[in-house]
């Protein structure tokens, strides 16, 4: 992600970082229509990953954390 994260992406990353969420919670909360694909975009851009922990918890990747921190600081 070379350009600054969109506001909706910033909100999504902050939501993921707030507390443990399952993949199903993320899909339900953030996949409202094909035109707002923040969930899919975050996966494609390597900002989040699904943990293999039995609950399929999603987490920020190191890249996702750096993008979020840049938004907060920048």
N, C-alpha and C. Protein backbone atom coordinates (compact mmCIF):
# COMPACT_ATOMS: atom_id res chain seq x y z
N UNK A 1 0.86 -1.16 0.00
CA UNK A 1 0.00 0.00 0.00
C UNK A 1 0.91 1.22 0.00
N UNK A 2 1.12 1.82 -1.17
CA UNK A 2 2.04 2.95 -1.28
C UNK A 2 1.37 4.27 -0.94
N UNK A 3 0.10 4.40 -1.19
CA UNK A 3 -0.60 5.63 -0.83
C UNK A 3 -1.19 5.49 0.56
N UNK A 4 -1.54 6.60 1.19
CA UNK A 4 -2.11 6.51 2.55
C UNK A 4 -3.38 5.65 2.56
N UNK A 5 -3.59 4.96 3.65
CA UNK A 5 -4.78 4.12 3.79
C UNK A 5 -6.03 4.97 3.79
N UNK A 6 -7.06 4.47 3.15
CA UNK A 6 -8.35 5.17 3.14
C UNK A 6 -8.91 5.20 4.56
N UNK A 7 -9.84 6.08 4.80
CA UNK A 7 -10.45 6.18 6.12
C UNK A 7 -11.12 4.87 6.52
N UNK A 8 -11.82 4.25 5.58
CA UNK A 8 -12.49 3.00 5.93
C UNK A 8 -11.47 1.90 6.23
N UNK A 9 -10.33 1.89 5.54
CA UNK A 9 -9.29 0.90 5.85
C UNK A 9 -8.70 1.18 7.22
N UNK A 10 -8.48 2.45 7.55
CA UNK A 10 -7.99 2.80 8.88
C UNK A 10 -8.95 2.31 9.95
N UNK A 11 -10.25 2.50 9.72
CA UNK A 11 -11.26 2.07 10.68
C UNK A 11 -11.26 0.55 10.82
N UNK A 12 -11.13 -0.15 9.70
CA UNK A 12 -11.10 -1.61 9.75
C UNK A 12 -9.89 -2.11 10.52
N UNK A 13 -8.72 -1.56 10.23
CA UNK A 13 -7.50 -1.99 10.92
C UNK A 13 -7.59 -1.71 12.42
N UNK A 14 -8.14 -0.55 12.78
CA UNK A 14 -8.31 -0.22 14.20
C UNK A 14 -9.30 -1.19 14.85
N UNK A 15 -10.34 -1.57 14.14
CA UNK A 15 -11.34 -2.51 14.64
C UNK A 15 -10.69 -3.87 14.90
N UNK A 16 -9.86 -4.34 13.97
CA UNK A 16 -9.17 -5.61 14.15
C UNK A 16 -8.22 -5.54 15.33
N UNK A 17 -7.49 -4.44 15.46
CA UNK A 17 -6.50 -4.28 16.53
C UNK A 17 -7.13 -4.15 17.91
N UNK A 18 -8.37 -3.71 17.96
CA UNK A 18 -9.05 -3.43 19.24
C UNK A 18 -9.14 -4.65 20.15
N UNK A 19 -9.52 -5.80 19.60
CA UNK A 19 -9.65 -7.02 20.39
C UNK A 19 -9.72 -8.21 19.44
N UNK A 20 -9.52 -9.42 19.93
CA UNK A 20 -9.58 -10.59 19.05
C UNK A 20 -10.94 -10.70 18.37
N UNK A 21 -10.91 -10.96 17.07
CA UNK A 21 -12.14 -11.14 16.28
C UNK A 21 -11.98 -12.41 15.46
N UNK A 22 -13.08 -13.07 15.21
CA UNK A 22 -13.02 -14.24 14.33
C UNK A 22 -13.19 -13.77 12.89
N UNK A 23 -12.79 -14.65 11.99
CA UNK A 23 -12.95 -14.35 10.57
C UNK A 23 -14.43 -14.11 10.26
N UNK A 24 -15.29 -14.92 10.85
CA UNK A 24 -16.72 -14.79 10.61
C UNK A 24 -17.25 -13.44 11.08
N UNK A 25 -16.78 -12.95 12.23
CA UNK A 25 -17.18 -11.63 12.70
C UNK A 25 -16.75 -10.55 11.73
N UNK A 26 -15.55 -10.67 11.21
CA UNK A 26 -15.05 -9.67 10.27
C UNK A 26 -15.85 -9.66 8.98
N UNK A 27 -16.11 -10.84 8.46
CA UNK A 27 -16.87 -10.92 7.22
C UNK A 27 -18.27 -10.35 7.43
N UNK A 28 -18.90 -10.71 8.53
CA UNK A 28 -20.26 -10.23 8.82
C UNK A 28 -20.29 -8.71 8.99
N UNK A 29 -19.34 -8.17 9.69
CA UNK A 29 -19.34 -6.74 9.99
C UNK A 29 -18.87 -5.87 8.83
N UNK A 30 -17.99 -6.39 7.98
CA UNK A 30 -17.34 -5.53 7.00
C UNK A 30 -17.60 -5.89 5.55
N UNK A 31 -18.31 -6.92 5.26
CA UNK A 31 -18.58 -7.30 3.87
C UNK A 31 -20.02 -6.94 3.53
N UNK A 32 -20.31 -5.64 3.55
CA UNK A 32 -21.70 -5.21 3.37
C UNK A 32 -22.15 -5.22 1.92
N UNK A 33 -21.24 -5.00 0.98
CA UNK A 33 -21.59 -5.07 -0.43
C UNK A 33 -20.31 -5.16 -1.26
N UNK A 34 -20.42 -5.57 -2.51
CA UNK A 34 -19.21 -5.72 -3.32
C UNK A 34 -18.42 -4.42 -3.52
N UNK A 35 -19.07 -3.30 -3.40
CA UNK A 35 -18.37 -2.03 -3.62
C UNK A 35 -17.59 -1.56 -2.40
N UNK A 36 -17.89 -2.11 -1.26
CA UNK A 36 -17.13 -1.78 -0.04
C UNK A 36 -16.42 -3.06 0.37
N UNK A 37 -15.26 -3.28 -0.22
CA UNK A 37 -14.57 -4.55 -0.02
C UNK A 37 -13.37 -4.41 0.89
N UNK A 38 -13.50 -3.65 1.95
CA UNK A 38 -12.36 -3.40 2.82
C UNK A 38 -11.78 -4.69 3.37
N UNK A 39 -12.62 -5.64 3.69
CA UNK A 39 -12.15 -6.93 4.22
C UNK A 39 -11.27 -7.63 3.18
N UNK A 40 -11.77 -7.75 1.96
CA UNK A 40 -11.00 -8.40 0.90
C UNK A 40 -9.74 -7.62 0.57
N UNK A 41 -9.84 -6.30 0.52
CA UNK A 41 -8.67 -5.47 0.22
C UNK A 41 -7.58 -5.66 1.28
N UNK A 42 -7.97 -5.75 2.53
CA UNK A 42 -7.00 -5.92 3.61
C UNK A 42 -6.26 -7.26 3.47
N UNK A 43 -6.95 -8.29 3.04
CA UNK A 43 -6.31 -9.58 2.82
C UNK A 43 -5.35 -9.50 1.64
N UNK A 44 -5.82 -8.97 0.53
CA UNK A 44 -5.01 -8.88 -0.68
C UNK A 44 -3.76 -8.04 -0.44
N UNK A 45 -3.89 -6.97 0.32
CA UNK A 45 -2.77 -6.07 0.58
C UNK A 45 -1.85 -6.57 1.70
N UNK A 46 -2.20 -7.73 2.28
CA UNK A 46 -1.35 -8.31 3.32
C UNK A 46 -1.40 -7.58 4.65
N UNK A 47 -2.53 -6.96 4.95
CA UNK A 47 -2.68 -6.19 6.18
C UNK A 47 -3.23 -7.02 7.33
N UNK A 48 -3.99 -8.07 7.01
CA UNK A 48 -4.52 -8.99 8.02
C UNK A 48 -4.27 -10.42 7.59
N UNK A 49 -4.33 -11.32 8.56
CA UNK A 49 -4.19 -12.74 8.27
C UNK A 49 -5.15 -13.50 9.21
N UNK A 50 -5.47 -14.72 8.82
CA UNK A 50 -6.29 -15.58 9.66
C UNK A 50 -5.36 -16.52 10.42
N UNK A 51 -5.46 -16.50 11.74
CA UNK A 51 -4.64 -17.36 12.59
C UNK A 51 -5.22 -18.78 12.56
N UNK A 52 -4.38 -19.76 12.58
CA UNK A 52 -4.81 -21.15 12.63
C UNK A 52 -4.87 -21.58 14.09
N UNK A 53 -5.83 -21.00 14.82
CA UNK A 53 -5.91 -21.23 16.26
C UNK A 53 -7.19 -21.95 16.69
N UNK A 54 -7.86 -22.55 15.73
CA UNK A 54 -9.10 -23.25 16.05
C UNK A 54 -10.32 -22.36 16.00
N UNK A 55 -10.13 -21.07 16.21
CA UNK A 55 -11.25 -20.11 16.16
C UNK A 55 -11.21 -19.29 14.88
N UNK A 56 -10.14 -19.43 14.10
CA UNK A 56 -9.94 -18.64 12.89
C UNK A 56 -9.94 -17.15 13.21
N UNK A 57 -9.17 -16.80 14.22
CA UNK A 57 -9.04 -15.41 14.66
C UNK A 57 -8.25 -14.63 13.62
N UNK A 58 -8.69 -13.42 13.35
CA UNK A 58 -7.93 -12.57 12.43
C UNK A 58 -7.04 -11.65 13.24
N UNK A 59 -5.93 -11.28 12.63
CA UNK A 59 -4.96 -10.42 13.29
C UNK A 59 -4.28 -9.54 12.26
N UNK A 60 -3.78 -8.42 12.73
CA UNK A 60 -3.00 -7.57 11.85
C UNK A 60 -1.66 -8.25 11.57
N UNK A 61 -1.19 -8.11 10.35
CA UNK A 61 0.17 -8.53 10.04
C UNK A 61 1.09 -7.41 10.49
N UNK A 62 2.38 -7.63 10.41
CA UNK A 62 3.30 -6.54 10.76
C UNK A 62 3.11 -5.37 9.81
N UNK A 63 2.82 -5.66 8.55
CA UNK A 63 2.55 -4.59 7.59
C UNK A 63 1.27 -3.83 7.96
N UNK A 64 0.24 -4.56 8.35
CA UNK A 64 -1.02 -3.93 8.76
C UNK A 64 -0.84 -3.05 9.99
N UNK A 65 -0.06 -3.52 10.95
CA UNK A 65 0.22 -2.72 12.15
C UNK A 65 0.98 -1.46 11.78
N UNK A 66 1.94 -1.57 10.85
CA UNK A 66 2.72 -0.40 10.44
C UNK A 66 1.83 0.62 9.73
N UNK A 67 0.93 0.14 8.89
CA UNK A 67 -0.01 1.04 8.20
C UNK A 67 -0.88 1.76 9.21
N UNK A 68 -1.41 1.03 10.19
CA UNK A 68 -2.26 1.63 11.22
C UNK A 68 -1.49 2.65 12.04
N UNK A 69 -0.28 2.30 12.45
CA UNK A 69 0.52 3.23 13.23
C UNK A 69 0.85 4.50 12.43
N UNK A 70 1.11 4.35 11.15
CA UNK A 70 1.40 5.50 10.30
C UNK A 70 0.18 6.43 10.22
N UNK A 71 -1.00 5.85 10.19
CA UNK A 71 -2.24 6.64 10.13
C UNK A 71 -2.44 7.40 11.43
N UNK A 72 -2.15 6.75 12.55
CA UNK A 72 -2.34 7.37 13.86
C UNK A 72 -1.31 8.46 14.10
N UNK A 73 -0.07 8.16 13.72
CA UNK A 73 1.02 9.12 13.95
C UNK A 73 1.03 10.20 12.87
N UNK A 74 0.85 9.78 11.61
CA UNK A 74 0.95 10.69 10.47
C UNK A 74 -0.15 11.64 10.41
